[in-house]
Amino acid sequence: MNGFPLKRIVLFVAICVLGAGVASAGMNATLIAAQSHHDDNDPVTNVPFPTAGDAYCSFTNGCGTIPSGGQTAYQWTAGDFVQSAVFTLPTNSVTDLTADWIFQDYMNGDNETWNVYVNGVAVAAAVIPDCGGCGSYGTVTGTVTFADIAPVGGGYQVELVLQNTVPGGEGSAAWADGGITGLSYGSSVPEPGSLLLLGSGVVGLAGLLRRRLS
């Protein structure tokens, strides 16, 4: 699989943040914040995901990219994934993720649990529920808040990875073009340029002290 290394964890039911809980209505679900430090004044950048051009792999149906107006192949095997492009954002610290994701639900006797990653860090989970093989479209919405995540390779990547293999005859699901992901940021870490200046100042001070002592 291309992209950042992934941590594998088992989470459960609807949309939740690392065991925080569940809130759902029909086939739709709402993300629940894991922490309370979210500030509504934090800047938010909306990026397209899952959407046309995003890479996906189904171990049963193969790999590809989401076509415009289309969706991933049907997925039901642990490790199946859909992955965003790498987004360059004007920040050194992302703290929130807002979901507005579309899926097609063919689950029939089981659920699919999908972990949500930002730069390889698990921040949430989504469960696509059994709908009796209805084939209807549902939406994952809401916001999760987490500890600061720094950029990797100069940017941020969002990924959904299926955690459970669905038994034969118990359905599948697909992620559709048109999803939007909001990434917001509040507290920040020192920029590389600032760190460089700080280091130069320390070196200069050390040189001055050596000259005075000598």
Protein backbone atom coordinates (compact mmCIF):
# COMPACT_ATOMS: atom_id res chain seq x y z
CA MET A 1 0.00 0.00 0.00
CA ASN A 2 1.31 3.48 -0.84
CA GLY A 3 1.27 6.27 1.73
CA PHE A 4 2.20 6.66 5.34
CA PRO A 5 2.61 3.73 7.74
CA LEU A 6 -0.60 2.78 9.49
CA LYS A 7 -1.36 1.71 13.06
CA ARG A 8 -3.98 -0.99 13.31
CA ILE A 9 -6.56 -0.82 16.10
CA VAL A 10 -10.03 -2.31 16.55
CA LEU A 11 -12.86 0.15 17.18
CA PHE A 12 -16.61 -0.28 17.07
CA VAL A 13 -20.06 0.97 16.05
CA ALA A 14 -21.15 4.03 13.98
CA ILE A 15 -18.70 6.93 14.03
CA CYS A 16 -16.67 7.22 17.19
CA VAL A 17 -13.30 8.46 18.36
CA LEU A 18 -11.22 5.72 19.90
CA GLY A 19 -14.10 4.34 21.99
CA ALA A 20 -15.74 7.71 22.70
CA GLY A 21 -19.24 6.66 21.68
CA VAL A 22 -21.82 6.58 18.90
CA ALA A 23 -24.49 8.79 17.43
CA SER A 24 -26.40 7.72 14.34
CA ALA A 25 -29.68 8.15 12.52
CA GLY A 26 -30.56 5.56 9.92
CA MET A 27 -27.55 4.96 7.69
CA ASN A 28 -26.00 8.33 8.53
CA ALA A 29 -23.58 8.87 11.42
CA THR A 30 -22.04 11.74 13.37
CA LEU A 31 -18.44 12.08 14.53
CA ILE A 32 -18.07 12.73 18.26
CA ALA A 33 -15.22 14.85 19.64
CA ALA A 34 -12.63 12.96 21.69
CA GLN A 35 -11.44 16.07 23.52
CA SER A 36 -12.84 19.49 24.39
CA HIS A 37 -10.08 21.85 23.28
CA HIS A 38 -11.68 22.61 19.90
CA ASP A 39 -12.04 26.34 19.22
CA ASP A 40 -14.71 27.41 16.73
CA ASN A 41 -12.41 30.26 15.73
CA ASP A 42 -9.70 27.88 14.55
CA PRO A 43 -9.13 28.21 10.79
CA VAL A 44 -10.46 25.34 8.68
CA THR A 45 -9.30 24.16 5.26
CA ASN A 46 -11.75 21.98 3.32
CA VAL A 47 -10.10 19.40 1.07
CA PRO A 48 -11.73 16.91 -1.33
CA PHE A 49 -11.81 13.38 0.14
CA PRO A 50 -13.04 10.80 -0.71
CA THR A 51 -13.34 12.15 -4.23
CA ALA A 52 -12.44 11.60 -7.88
CA GLY A 53 -8.77 10.76 -8.34
CA ASP A 54 -8.24 9.31 -4.86
CA ALA A 55 -6.46 5.95 -4.82
CA TYR A 56 -8.16 2.85 -3.45
CA CYS A 57 -7.49 -0.88 -3.21
CA SER A 58 -9.87 -3.78 -2.84
CA PHE A 59 -8.04 -7.06 -2.29
CA THR A 60 -10.92 -8.78 -4.07
CA ASN A 61 -11.71 -6.28 -6.84
CA GLY A 62 -8.33 -4.67 -7.43
CA CYS A 63 -6.89 -1.17 -7.16
CA GLY A 64 -7.59 2.04 -8.99
CA THR A 65 -8.72 5.63 -8.57
CA ILE A 66 -12.23 6.92 -7.95
CA PRO A 67 -13.68 8.07 -11.29
CA SER A 68 -15.50 11.39 -11.61
CA GLY A 69 -19.09 10.81 -10.51
CA GLY A 70 -18.22 7.24 -9.53
CA GLN A 71 -16.93 5.35 -6.52
CA THR A 72 -14.42 2.79 -5.31
CA ALA A 73 -14.80 -0.88 -6.13
CA TYR A 74 -16.93 -2.74 -3.57
CA GLN A 75 -14.82 -3.49 -0.52
CA TRP A 76 -15.22 -6.14 2.16
CA THR A 77 -11.72 -7.40 3.08
CA ALA A 78 -9.62 -6.16 6.02
CA GLY A 79 -6.92 -3.85 4.68
CA ASP A 80 -9.00 -2.44 1.81
CA PHE A 81 -8.44 1.31 1.73
CA VAL A 82 -9.11 4.66 0.09
CA GLN A 83 -6.43 7.34 0.36
CA SER A 84 -6.36 11.08 -0.27
CA ALA A 85 -3.74 13.11 -2.04
CA VAL A 86 -1.18 14.87 0.18
CA PHE A 87 -2.55 18.29 1.08
CA THR A 88 -0.23 21.21 1.84
CA LEU A 89 -1.82 23.39 4.53
CA PRO A 90 -0.71 26.71 6.09
CA THR A 91 -0.03 25.11 9.46
CA ASN A 92 2.37 22.92 11.40
CA SER A 93 -0.33 21.33 13.53
CA VAL A 94 -3.73 19.84 12.66
CA THR A 95 -6.13 19.25 15.57
CA ASP A 96 -9.59 18.60 14.08
CA LEU A 97 -11.14 16.62 11.24
CA THR A 98 -14.65 17.21 9.88
CA ALA A 99 -16.26 14.54 7.72
CA ASP A 100 -18.81 14.84 4.94
CA TRP A 101 -18.31 11.50 3.21
CA ILE A 102 -20.64 9.53 0.93
CA PHE A 103 -20.86 5.73 0.86
CA GLN A 104 -23.01 3.13 -0.88
CA ASP A 105 -24.27 0.49 1.52
CA TYR A 106 -24.75 -3.11 0.38
CA MET A 107 -24.18 -4.60 3.83
CA ASN A 108 -26.42 -7.62 4.40
CA GLY A 109 -25.93 -9.39 7.72
CA ASP A 110 -22.77 -7.67 8.94
CA ASN A 111 -21.14 -4.24 9.42
CA GLU A 112 -17.90 -2.74 8.12
CA THR A 113 -15.60 -0.90 10.53
CA TRP A 114 -13.32 1.67 8.89
CA ASN A 115 -10.52 3.41 10.78
CA VAL A 116 -9.77 7.03 9.91
CA TYR A 117 -6.12 8.12 9.79
CA VAL A 118 -4.38 11.47 9.44
CA ASN A 119 -0.71 11.02 8.52
CA GLY A 120 -0.87 7.46 9.81
CA VAL A 121 -2.39 8.42 13.17
CA ALA A 122 -5.76 6.84 13.99
CA VAL A 123 -8.23 9.60 14.91
CA ALA A 124 -11.68 8.01 14.48
CA ALA A 125 -13.66 5.08 13.15
CA ALA A 126 -16.73 4.68 10.95
CA VAL A 127 -19.05 1.71 10.83
CA ILE A 128 -21.13 1.17 7.72
CA PRO A 129 -24.23 -0.60 9.09
CA ASP A 130 -26.17 -3.58 7.80
CA CYS A 131 -29.05 -2.26 5.70
CA GLY A 132 -30.29 -5.56 4.35
CA GLY A 133 -28.41 -5.17 1.06
CA CYS A 134 -30.37 -2.00 0.29
CA GLY A 135 -27.81 -0.38 -2.03
CA SER A 136 -28.72 3.07 -0.67
CA TYR A 137 -26.30 5.94 -0.19
CA GLY A 138 -25.48 7.27 3.27
CA THR A 139 -23.32 10.07 4.66
CA VAL A 140 -20.73 10.24 7.42
CA THR A 141 -20.72 13.71 9.02
CA GLY A 142 -19.37 15.47 12.10
CA THR A 143 -16.12 16.62 13.69
CA VAL A 144 -13.48 14.84 15.76
CA THR A 145 -10.81 16.58 17.85
CA PHE A 146 -7.44 15.07 18.69
CA ALA A 147 -3.91 15.86 19.83
CA ASP A 148 -1.80 17.91 17.42
CA ILE A 149 -0.62 16.07 14.31
CA ALA A 150 2.42 17.46 12.50
CA PRO A 151 2.89 17.41 8.70
CA VAL A 152 4.70 14.47 7.14
CA GLY A 153 6.68 15.07 3.97
CA GLY A 154 5.42 18.66 4.02
CA GLY A 155 1.72 17.87 4.11
CA TYR A 156 -1.27 15.90 5.37
CA GLN A 157 -2.91 12.74 4.08
CA VAL A 158 -6.26 11.26 5.11
CA GLU A 159 -6.99 7.56 4.76
CA LEU A 160 -9.84 5.15 5.45
CA VAL A 161 -8.81 1.53 6.08
CA LEU A 162 -11.24 -1.37 6.49
CA GLN A 163 -10.62 -3.30 9.71
CA ASN A 164 -12.79 -6.42 9.37
CA THR A 165 -13.30 -8.99 6.64
CA VAL A 166 -17.00 -9.44 5.92
CA PRO A 167 -18.03 -13.11 5.51
CA GLY A 168 -19.23 -14.24 2.11
CA GLY A 169 -22.80 -13.28 1.35
CA GLU A 170 -22.93 -10.59 4.04
CA GLY A 171 -22.38 -7.61 1.82
CA SER A 172 -19.92 -4.88 0.87
CA ALA A 173 -19.67 -1.11 0.60
CA ALA A 174 -18.04 1.57 -1.54
CA TRP A 175 -16.92 5.18 -1.02
CA ALA A 176 -18.27 7.66 -3.56
CA ASP A 177 -16.94 10.75 -5.32
CA GLY A 178 -17.97 14.06 -3.74
CA GLY A 179 -16.69 13.75 -0.17
CA ILE A 180 -15.28 16.76 1.69
CA THR A 181 -12.89 16.69 4.66
CA GLY A 182 -12.26 19.73 6.83
CA LEU A 183 -8.89 19.99 8.58
CA SER A 184 -8.53 22.68 11.23
CA TYR A 185 -5.71 23.89 13.38
CA GLY A 186 -5.20 25.98 16.47
CA SER A 187 -2.07 25.69 18.58
CA SER A 188 1.08 25.39 16.50
CA VAL A 189 4.67 24.25 16.86
CA PRO A 190 7.67 26.44 15.97
CA GLU A 191 8.24 26.74 12.24
CA PRO A 192 11.49 25.27 10.85
CA GLY A 193 12.75 28.79 10.09
CA SER A 194 12.16 29.88 13.69
CA LEU A 195 13.98 26.82 14.98
CA LEU A 196 16.92 27.59 12.71
CA LEU A 197 17.11 31.17 13.99
CA LEU A 198 16.94 29.95 17.58
CA GLY A 199 19.78 27.52 16.93
CA SER A 200 21.90 30.24 15.31
CA GLY A 201 21.35 32.51 18.32
CA VAL A 202 22.46 29.83 20.75
CA VAL A 203 25.62 29.15 18.72
CA GLY A 204 26.41 32.88 18.56
CA LEU A 205 25.93 33.29 22.31
CA ALA A 206 28.24 30.34 23.00
CA GLY A 207 30.94 31.90 20.80
CA LEU A 208 30.64 35.24 22.58
CA LEU A 209 31.00 33.59 26.00
CA ARG A 210 34.09 31.67 24.84
CA ARG A 211 35.74 34.87 23.61
CA ARG A 212 35.06 36.69 26.90
CA LEU A 213 36.36 33.80 28.98
CA SER A 214 39.54 33.65 26.95
